[in-house]
Amino acid sequence: VSQSRYEEFKGPAPTLPFLKVSVVPGPSRRISYGRTNRRVVDGLINIKIVTESGNGQKQGASISNELDSVLEDKVLSSNYRLGLSYVQTLGPDPEDATKTLTLYSIPYTYFGD
């Protein structure tokens, strides 16, 4: 595992496939529901799927389908709502050609107090 690429990872090198999750919060706003005023934050959850090269898009797509079954268009709690996902095959890892990268992204909305 390249130190520059996965330097925040602590512990032994992960086995393939593995996922790297990042949450990108967007702007917040206030909306009114009846007499309550709630804070809303829209954002994006990015999940980088790292698989072994040589399998084409098949393994990344298969893992994306599994993620969809548990994440897509779901309500995680009374405050989090997930939207429809999209997947982008990024191709070989530029720092390690033995790995293929797929990006699974899903928008979310947080309804706070």
Protein backbone atom coordinates (compact mmCIF):
# COMPACT_ATOMS: atom_id res chain seq x y z
CA VAL A 1 0.00 0.00 0.00
CA SER A 2 1.40 3.33 -1.01
CA GLN A 3 2.03 5.51 2.04
CA SER A 4 1.10 8.74 0.24
CA ARG A 5 -2.20 7.32 -0.98
CA TYR A 6 -3.47 5.61 2.17
CA GLU A 7 -1.39 7.33 4.84
CA GLU A 8 -4.35 7.93 7.17
CA PHE A 9 -4.99 4.17 7.36
CA LYS A 10 -3.69 2.69 10.60
CA GLY A 11 -2.91 -1.00 10.90
CA PRO A 12 -1.84 -3.74 8.52
CA ALA A 13 -2.38 -3.30 4.78
CA PRO A 14 -5.98 -4.17 3.92
CA THR A 15 -6.77 -7.20 1.79
CA LEU A 16 -8.56 -6.71 -1.51
CA PRO A 17 -11.26 -5.73 -2.02
CA PHE A 18 -11.63 -2.90 0.47
CA LEU A 19 -13.63 0.30 0.79
CA LYS A 20 -12.51 3.80 1.66
CA VAL A 21 -15.34 6.08 2.84
CA SER A 22 -15.40 9.86 2.88
CA VAL A 23 -18.27 12.20 3.72
CA VAL A 24 -18.49 15.57 2.00
CA PRO A 25 -20.94 17.87 3.77
CA GLY A 26 -22.55 20.59 1.71
CA PRO A 27 -24.10 23.89 2.71
CA SER A 28 -26.69 24.04 5.46
CA ARG A 29 -29.96 25.91 5.46
CA ARG A 30 -33.02 26.40 7.65
CA ILE A 31 -36.48 25.27 6.63
CA SER A 32 -39.80 25.51 8.45
CA TYR A 33 -42.15 22.61 9.07
CA GLY A 34 -45.28 24.05 10.62
CA ARG A 35 -44.13 25.72 13.82
CA THR A 36 -40.69 24.12 13.87
CA ASN A 37 -37.58 25.51 12.21
CA ARG A 38 -35.12 22.76 11.22
CA ARG A 39 -31.57 22.83 9.95
CA VAL A 40 -30.95 20.86 6.75
CA VAL A 41 -27.56 19.77 5.40
CA ASP A 42 -27.13 18.16 1.99
CA GLY A 43 -23.96 16.27 1.20
CA LEU A 44 -22.35 13.35 -0.53
CA ILE A 45 -21.00 10.04 0.73
CA ASN A 46 -18.16 8.80 -1.48
CA ILE A 47 -17.09 5.19 -1.20
CA LYS A 48 -13.96 4.28 -3.12
CA ILE A 49 -14.00 0.58 -3.95
CA VAL A 50 -10.51 -0.86 -4.35
CA THR A 51 -10.35 -4.21 -6.13
CA GLU A 52 -7.74 -6.39 -7.78
CA SER A 53 -6.89 -5.42 -11.37
CA GLY A 54 -7.59 -7.84 -14.16
CA ASN A 55 -11.29 -8.34 -13.42
CA GLY A 56 -12.52 -5.34 -15.40
CA GLN A 57 -15.53 -3.53 -13.97
CA LYS A 58 -17.24 -6.69 -12.74
CA GLN A 59 -16.10 -6.76 -9.10
CA GLY A 60 -16.57 -3.01 -8.53
CA ALA A 61 -20.04 -3.20 -10.07
CA SER A 62 -20.95 -6.21 -7.95
CA ILE A 63 -19.90 -4.43 -4.74
CA SER A 64 -21.80 -1.32 -5.87
CA ASN A 65 -24.95 -3.42 -6.27
CA GLU A 66 -24.50 -4.77 -2.75
CA LEU A 67 -24.09 -1.23 -1.40
CA ASP A 68 -27.26 -0.18 -3.22
CA SER A 69 -29.23 -2.93 -1.50
CA VAL A 70 -28.46 -1.44 1.92
CA LEU A 71 -28.02 2.28 1.17
CA GLU A 72 -29.87 3.53 -1.91
CA ASP A 73 -33.05 5.54 -1.28
CA LYS A 74 -33.09 4.63 2.42
CA VAL A 75 -33.82 6.48 5.66
CA LEU A 76 -30.99 5.68 8.11
CA SER A 77 -32.67 7.29 11.08
CA SER A 78 -35.33 9.90 11.53
CA ASN A 79 -32.72 12.51 10.57
CA TYR A 80 -30.83 11.01 7.58
CA ARG A 81 -32.22 10.33 4.12
CA LEU A 82 -30.12 8.81 1.32
CA GLY A 83 -30.80 9.39 -2.38
CA LEU A 84 -30.04 7.49 -5.56
CA SER A 85 -26.46 6.37 -6.06
CA TYR A 86 -24.20 6.70 -9.04
CA VAL A 87 -21.08 4.72 -9.90
CA GLN A 88 -17.99 5.70 -11.84
CA THR A 89 -15.24 3.28 -12.82
CA LEU A 90 -11.99 5.19 -12.31
CA GLY A 91 -9.75 2.47 -13.76
CA PRO A 92 -6.30 1.41 -12.55
CA ASP A 93 -4.95 3.06 -9.42
CA PRO A 94 -2.32 5.53 -10.71
CA GLU A 95 -0.01 4.61 -7.83
CA ASP A 96 -0.52 0.83 -7.93
CA ALA A 97 -1.50 -0.80 -11.21
CA THR A 98 -2.44 -4.03 -9.38
CA LYS A 99 -5.56 -2.25 -8.05
CA THR A 100 -8.68 -0.97 -9.85
CA LEU A 101 -10.71 1.92 -8.45
CA THR A 102 -14.47 2.40 -8.59
CA LEU A 103 -16.24 5.38 -7.03
CA TYR A 104 -19.68 4.81 -5.51
CA SER A 105 -21.38 8.09 -4.54
CA ILE A 106 -24.69 8.63 -2.82
CA PRO A 107 -26.23 11.96 -1.82
CA TYR A 108 -27.67 12.43 1.64
CA THR A 109 -29.84 14.95 3.44
CA TYR A 110 -29.63 15.52 7.18
CA PHE A 111 -32.61 17.07 8.95
CA GLY A 112 -31.44 18.47 12.29
CA ASP A 113 -32.95 20.51 15.04
